[in-house]
């Protein structure tokens, strides 16, 4: 599996006020015991033009430019931290869920 993140990577899940979506997704995958590769794409959501030319792979995979995106081993995609958390909760590597 591959988890695509912004330059913040897998950090920020424990931020006190606003949790960073990429970190939240990574934390859920870790808690589920899932093994994944992290691929960082450039650009930031609230910085105009910062994504230009840096998220074509995400656009080709999902039709949009937002991360996090989880690409499963079968090529299916799970888009957004909420969807990734839900997927992780229902796919424990230990088979507990």
Protein backbone atom coordinates (compact mmCIF):
# COMPACT_ATOMS: atom_id res chain seq x y z
CA UNK A 1 0.00 0.00 0.00
CA UNK A 2 1.02 3.58 -0.55
CA UNK A 3 -0.11 6.55 1.52
CA UNK A 4 0.24 9.83 -0.36
CA UNK A 5 0.73 12.83 1.92
CA UNK A 6 1.51 16.52 1.69
CA UNK A 7 4.96 17.78 2.76
CA UNK A 8 3.88 17.50 6.42
CA UNK A 9 4.09 13.73 5.96
CA UNK A 10 2.73 11.58 8.75
CA UNK A 11 2.99 14.26 11.45
CA UNK A 12 0.27 16.24 13.15
CA UNK A 13 -2.18 13.60 14.31
CA UNK A 14 -1.71 14.68 17.91
CA UNK A 15 -1.82 18.45 17.38
CA UNK A 16 -3.78 20.09 20.18
CA UNK A 17 -6.26 22.16 18.16
CA UNK A 18 -6.40 21.04 14.56
CA UNK A 19 -5.35 17.52 13.63
CA UNK A 20 -3.46 17.27 10.34
CA UNK A 21 -5.33 14.96 7.94
CA UNK A 22 -2.22 13.18 6.63
CA UNK A 23 -1.05 12.44 10.17
CA UNK A 24 -4.51 11.25 11.20
CA UNK A 25 -4.57 8.80 8.29
CA UNK A 26 -1.08 7.48 9.09
CA UNK A 27 -1.92 7.09 12.79
CA UNK A 28 -5.02 5.04 11.93
CA UNK A 29 -3.04 2.77 9.61
CA UNK A 30 -0.38 2.31 12.28
CA UNK A 31 -3.01 1.50 14.92
CA UNK A 32 -4.47 -1.13 12.57
CA UNK A 33 -1.04 -2.68 12.09
CA UNK A 34 -1.02 -1.95 8.37
CA UNK A 35 2.29 -1.71 6.52
CA UNK A 36 2.51 1.05 3.93
CA UNK A 37 4.93 3.19 2.00
CA UNK A 38 4.70 6.97 2.29
CA UNK A 39 4.95 9.10 -0.84
CA UNK A 40 5.04 12.84 -0.34
CA UNK A 41 3.60 15.12 -2.98
CA UNK A 42 4.38 18.82 -3.19
CA UNK A 43 2.21 21.82 -2.61
CA UNK A 44 -0.06 23.01 0.13
CA UNK A 45 -3.85 23.36 0.18
CA UNK A 46 -4.04 26.99 1.25
CA UNK A 47 -1.04 28.35 -0.66
CA UNK A 48 -2.09 29.56 -4.11
CA UNK A 49 -0.32 27.85 -7.02
CA UNK A 50 1.89 25.76 -4.72
CA UNK A 51 0.43 22.52 -6.12
CA UNK A 52 1.10 23.44 -9.74
CA UNK A 53 2.92 20.58 -11.42
CA UNK A 54 3.32 18.63 -8.18
CA UNK A 55 0.20 16.49 -7.87
CA UNK A 56 -0.35 15.00 -11.32
CA UNK A 57 0.00 11.46 -9.92
CA UNK A 58 -2.78 12.11 -7.38
CA UNK A 59 -4.92 13.71 -10.08
CA UNK A 60 -4.46 10.67 -12.34
CA UNK A 61 -5.30 8.26 -9.52
CA UNK A 62 -8.32 10.04 -8.07
CA UNK A 63 -9.45 12.89 -10.33
CA UNK A 64 -8.68 15.45 -7.61
CA UNK A 65 -5.57 16.88 -5.92
CA UNK A 66 -6.23 16.54 -2.20
CA UNK A 67 -4.30 14.24 0.11
CA UNK A 68 -4.17 11.97 2.01
CA UNK A 69 -4.81 9.21 -0.49
CA UNK A 70 -4.29 5.54 0.24
CA UNK A 71 -3.64 3.26 -2.74
CA UNK A 72 -4.36 -0.35 -1.84
CA UNK A 73 -2.37 -3.27 -3.19
CA UNK A 74 -5.13 -4.01 -5.71
CA UNK A 75 -4.95 -0.44 -7.06
CA UNK A 76 -8.15 0.79 -5.40
CA UNK A 77 -7.95 4.21 -3.78
CA UNK A 78 -9.27 5.49 -0.47
CA UNK A 79 -9.45 9.29 -0.48
CA UNK A 80 -9.44 11.55 2.58
CA UNK A 81 -8.49 11.04 6.19
CA UNK A 82 -12.00 10.07 7.33
CA UNK A 83 -12.30 7.37 4.69
CA UNK A 84 -8.79 6.11 5.41
CA UNK A 85 -9.52 5.94 9.15
CA UNK A 86 -12.72 4.00 8.47
CA UNK A 87 -10.89 1.62 6.11
CA UNK A 88 -8.11 1.07 8.68
CA UNK A 89 -10.60 0.40 11.47
CA UNK A 90 -12.26 -2.30 9.36
CA UNK A 91 -8.98 -3.83 8.10
CA UNK A 92 -6.85 -4.63 11.10
CA UNK A 93 -3.70 -6.52 10.07
CA UNK A 94 -4.20 -8.71 13.13
CA UNK A 95 -7.71 -9.59 12.00
CA UNK A 96 -9.19 -8.19 15.21
CA UNK A 97 -11.73 -5.88 13.53
